[in-house]
N, C-alpha and C. Protein backbone atom coordinates (compact mmCIF):
# COMPACT_ATOMS: atom_id res chain seq x y z
N MET A 1 3.56 -4.29 -16.10
CA MET A 1 4.48 -3.05 -15.73
C MET A 1 4.37 -3.10 -14.37
N PRO A 2 5.42 -3.16 -13.52
CA PRO A 2 5.21 -3.39 -11.87
C PRO A 2 4.85 -1.78 -11.26
N LEU A 3 4.03 -1.95 -10.27
CA LEU A 3 3.68 -0.34 -9.78
C LEU A 3 5.15 -0.24 -8.98
N PHE A 4 5.74 -1.17 -8.27
CA PHE A 4 6.97 -0.64 -7.37
C PHE A 4 8.08 -1.71 -7.84
N THR A 5 9.24 -0.84 -7.95
CA THR A 5 10.18 -1.49 -8.54
C THR A 5 11.08 -2.52 -7.20
N ASP A 6 11.62 -3.70 -7.54
CA ASP A 6 12.17 -4.20 -6.34
C ASP A 6 13.14 -3.60 -5.43
N GLN A 7 13.71 -2.74 -6.19
CA GLN A 7 14.94 -1.75 -5.57
C GLN A 7 14.10 -0.66 -4.53
N PHE A 8 13.06 -0.45 -4.94
CA PHE A 8 12.33 0.62 -4.18
C PHE A 8 12.01 -0.04 -3.05
N LEU A 9 11.08 -1.59 -3.14
CA LEU A 9 10.82 -2.17 -2.15
C LEU A 9 11.85 -2.53 -0.98
N LYS A 10 12.95 -2.96 -1.60
CA LYS A 10 14.01 -3.56 -0.65
C LYS A 10 14.55 -2.26 0.28
N ARG A 11 14.59 -0.95 -0.31
CA ARG A 11 15.03 0.14 0.37
C ARG A 11 13.83 0.44 1.31
N MET A 12 12.82 0.54 1.12
CA MET A 12 11.70 0.62 2.09
C MET A 12 11.63 -0.23 3.24
N SER A 13 11.91 -1.76 2.88
CA SER A 13 11.97 -2.78 3.60
C SER A 13 13.08 -2.79 4.85
N THR A 14 13.84 -1.78 4.60
CA THR A 14 15.20 -1.81 5.51
C THR A 14 14.77 -1.03 6.60
N THR A 15 13.96 -0.14 6.89
CA THR A 15 13.67 0.70 7.88
C THR A 15 13.17 -0.12 9.02
N THR A 16 13.47 0.30 10.51
CA THR A 16 13.04 -0.41 11.31
C THR A 16 11.36 -0.63 11.69
N MET A 17 10.78 0.52 11.28
CA MET A 17 9.44 0.44 11.56
C MET A 17 8.86 0.02 10.28
N ASN A 18 7.66 -0.68 10.23
CA ASN A 18 7.02 -1.03 9.24
C ASN A 18 6.43 0.15 8.42
N PRO A 19 6.84 0.64 7.14
CA PRO A 19 6.02 1.88 6.36
C PRO A 19 4.78 1.53 6.30
N LYS A 20 3.97 2.87 6.51
CA LYS A 20 2.65 2.71 6.09
C LYS A 20 2.24 3.13 4.64
N VAL A 21 1.35 2.50 4.18
CA VAL A 21 0.97 2.85 2.83
C VAL A 21 -0.92 3.08 2.72
N LEU A 22 -1.07 4.20 2.33
CA LEU A 22 -2.60 4.28 2.08
C LEU A 22 -2.84 4.15 0.50
N ILE A 23 -3.80 3.13 0.56
CA ILE A 23 -4.32 2.74 -1.07
C ILE A 23 -5.58 3.39 -1.20
N ILE A 24 -5.71 4.19 -2.07
CA ILE A 24 -7.13 4.71 -2.61
C ILE A 24 -7.52 4.57 -3.81
N ASP A 25 -8.18 3.73 -4.05
CA ASP A 25 -8.88 3.31 -5.41
C ASP A 25 -10.23 2.89 -5.33
N ASP A 26 -11.29 2.90 -6.19
CA ASP A 26 -12.64 2.42 -6.31
C ASP A 26 -12.58 0.89 -6.68
N ASP A 27 -11.45 0.56 -7.26
CA ASP A 27 -11.60 -0.94 -7.79
C ASP A 27 -11.30 -1.75 -6.46
N ASP A 28 -12.06 -2.45 -5.87
CA ASP A 28 -12.08 -3.43 -4.85
C ASP A 28 -10.97 -4.33 -5.16
N ASP A 29 -11.03 -5.06 -6.33
CA ASP A 29 -10.06 -6.14 -6.53
C ASP A 29 -8.58 -5.64 -6.42
N LEU A 30 -8.33 -4.21 -7.15
CA LEU A 30 -7.22 -3.75 -7.20
C LEU A 30 -6.73 -3.35 -5.69
N ARG A 31 -7.41 -2.99 -5.00
CA ARG A 31 -6.89 -2.76 -3.47
C ARG A 31 -6.84 -3.91 -2.69
N TYR A 32 -7.51 -5.13 -3.13
CA TYR A 32 -7.10 -5.97 -2.49
C TYR A 32 -5.93 -6.90 -2.81
N SER A 33 -5.56 -6.75 -4.24
CA SER A 33 -4.43 -7.30 -4.79
C SER A 33 -3.12 -6.43 -3.88
N LEU A 34 -2.95 -4.97 -4.05
CA LEU A 34 -1.93 -4.10 -3.58
C LEU A 34 -1.94 -4.36 -2.05
N LYS A 35 -2.89 -4.65 -1.46
CA LYS A 35 -3.01 -4.98 0.04
C LYS A 35 -2.00 -6.22 0.42
N ARG A 36 -2.46 -6.91 -0.33
CA ARG A 36 -2.04 -8.46 -0.05
C ARG A 36 -0.47 -8.62 -0.27
N VAL A 37 -0.07 -7.65 -1.58
CA VAL A 37 1.47 -7.55 -1.90
C VAL A 37 2.18 -6.95 -0.86
N LEU A 38 1.33 -5.86 -0.41
CA LEU A 38 2.46 -4.84 0.42
C LEU A 38 2.61 -5.39 1.83
N SER A 39 1.46 -5.93 2.36
CA SER A 39 1.22 -6.58 3.39
C SER A 39 2.19 -7.72 3.57
N GLY A 40 2.37 -8.45 2.66
CA GLY A 40 3.48 -9.49 2.68
C GLY A 40 4.99 -8.89 2.84
N ARG A 41 4.90 -7.64 2.22
CA ARG A 41 6.25 -7.28 2.20
C ARG A 41 6.68 -6.44 3.64
N GLN A 42 5.66 -6.53 4.47
CA GLN A 42 5.66 -5.95 5.98
C GLN A 42 5.35 -4.49 5.96
N TYR A 43 4.35 -4.17 4.91
CA TYR A 43 3.81 -2.64 5.24
C TYR A 43 2.41 -2.74 5.71
N GLU A 44 2.34 -1.66 6.52
CA GLU A 44 1.15 -1.40 7.31
C GLU A 44 0.10 -0.69 6.08
N VAL A 45 -0.90 -1.50 5.68
CA VAL A 45 -1.64 -1.03 4.80
C VAL A 45 -2.97 -0.44 5.03
N ILE A 46 -3.51 0.74 4.79
CA ILE A 46 -4.60 1.45 4.75
C ILE A 46 -5.44 1.52 3.68
N GLU A 47 -6.50 1.33 3.53
CA GLU A 47 -7.19 1.44 2.13
C GLU A 47 -8.42 2.15 2.41
N ALA A 48 -8.71 2.86 1.14
CA ALA A 48 -10.29 3.56 1.00
C ALA A 48 -10.44 3.51 -0.39
N GLY A 49 -12.00 3.58 -0.41
CA GLY A 49 -12.37 3.22 -1.72
C GLY A 49 -12.82 4.48 -2.44
N SER A 50 -12.47 5.82 -1.82
CA SER A 50 -12.42 7.20 -2.66
C SER A 50 -11.74 8.20 -1.96
N GLY A 51 -11.61 9.17 -2.75
CA GLY A 51 -10.38 10.04 -2.19
C GLY A 51 -11.03 10.83 -1.14
N GLU A 52 -12.36 10.99 -0.83
CA GLU A 52 -12.66 11.45 0.52
C GLU A 52 -12.69 10.55 1.85
N ASP A 53 -12.91 9.11 1.52
CA ASP A 53 -12.56 8.29 2.61
C ASP A 53 -10.84 8.35 2.67
N GLY A 54 -10.00 8.63 1.67
CA GLY A 54 -8.74 8.45 1.97
C GLY A 54 -8.45 9.27 2.96
N LEU A 55 -8.85 10.53 2.81
CA LEU A 55 -8.76 11.71 3.35
C LEU A 55 -9.04 11.52 5.22
N VAL A 56 -10.13 10.70 5.19
CA VAL A 56 -10.46 10.48 6.63
C VAL A 56 -9.65 9.40 7.29
N GLN A 57 -9.23 8.46 6.37
CA GLN A 57 -8.22 7.34 6.76
C GLN A 57 -6.97 7.92 7.09
N GLY A 58 -6.61 8.74 6.17
CA GLY A 58 -4.75 9.16 6.10
C GLY A 58 -4.85 10.12 7.40
């Protein structure tokens, strides 16, 4: 099951600025995979390994 639909990603990629996404998850492999996919679609990706780190990053 995809995390994001193609329609959602296309709509988000039509903006003039690169949208920013904050990924918070304690699974390093999952964060890496999501970052790779979203970066390839021109998203600015910020990642954090915990909610506390995410609050600092975001």
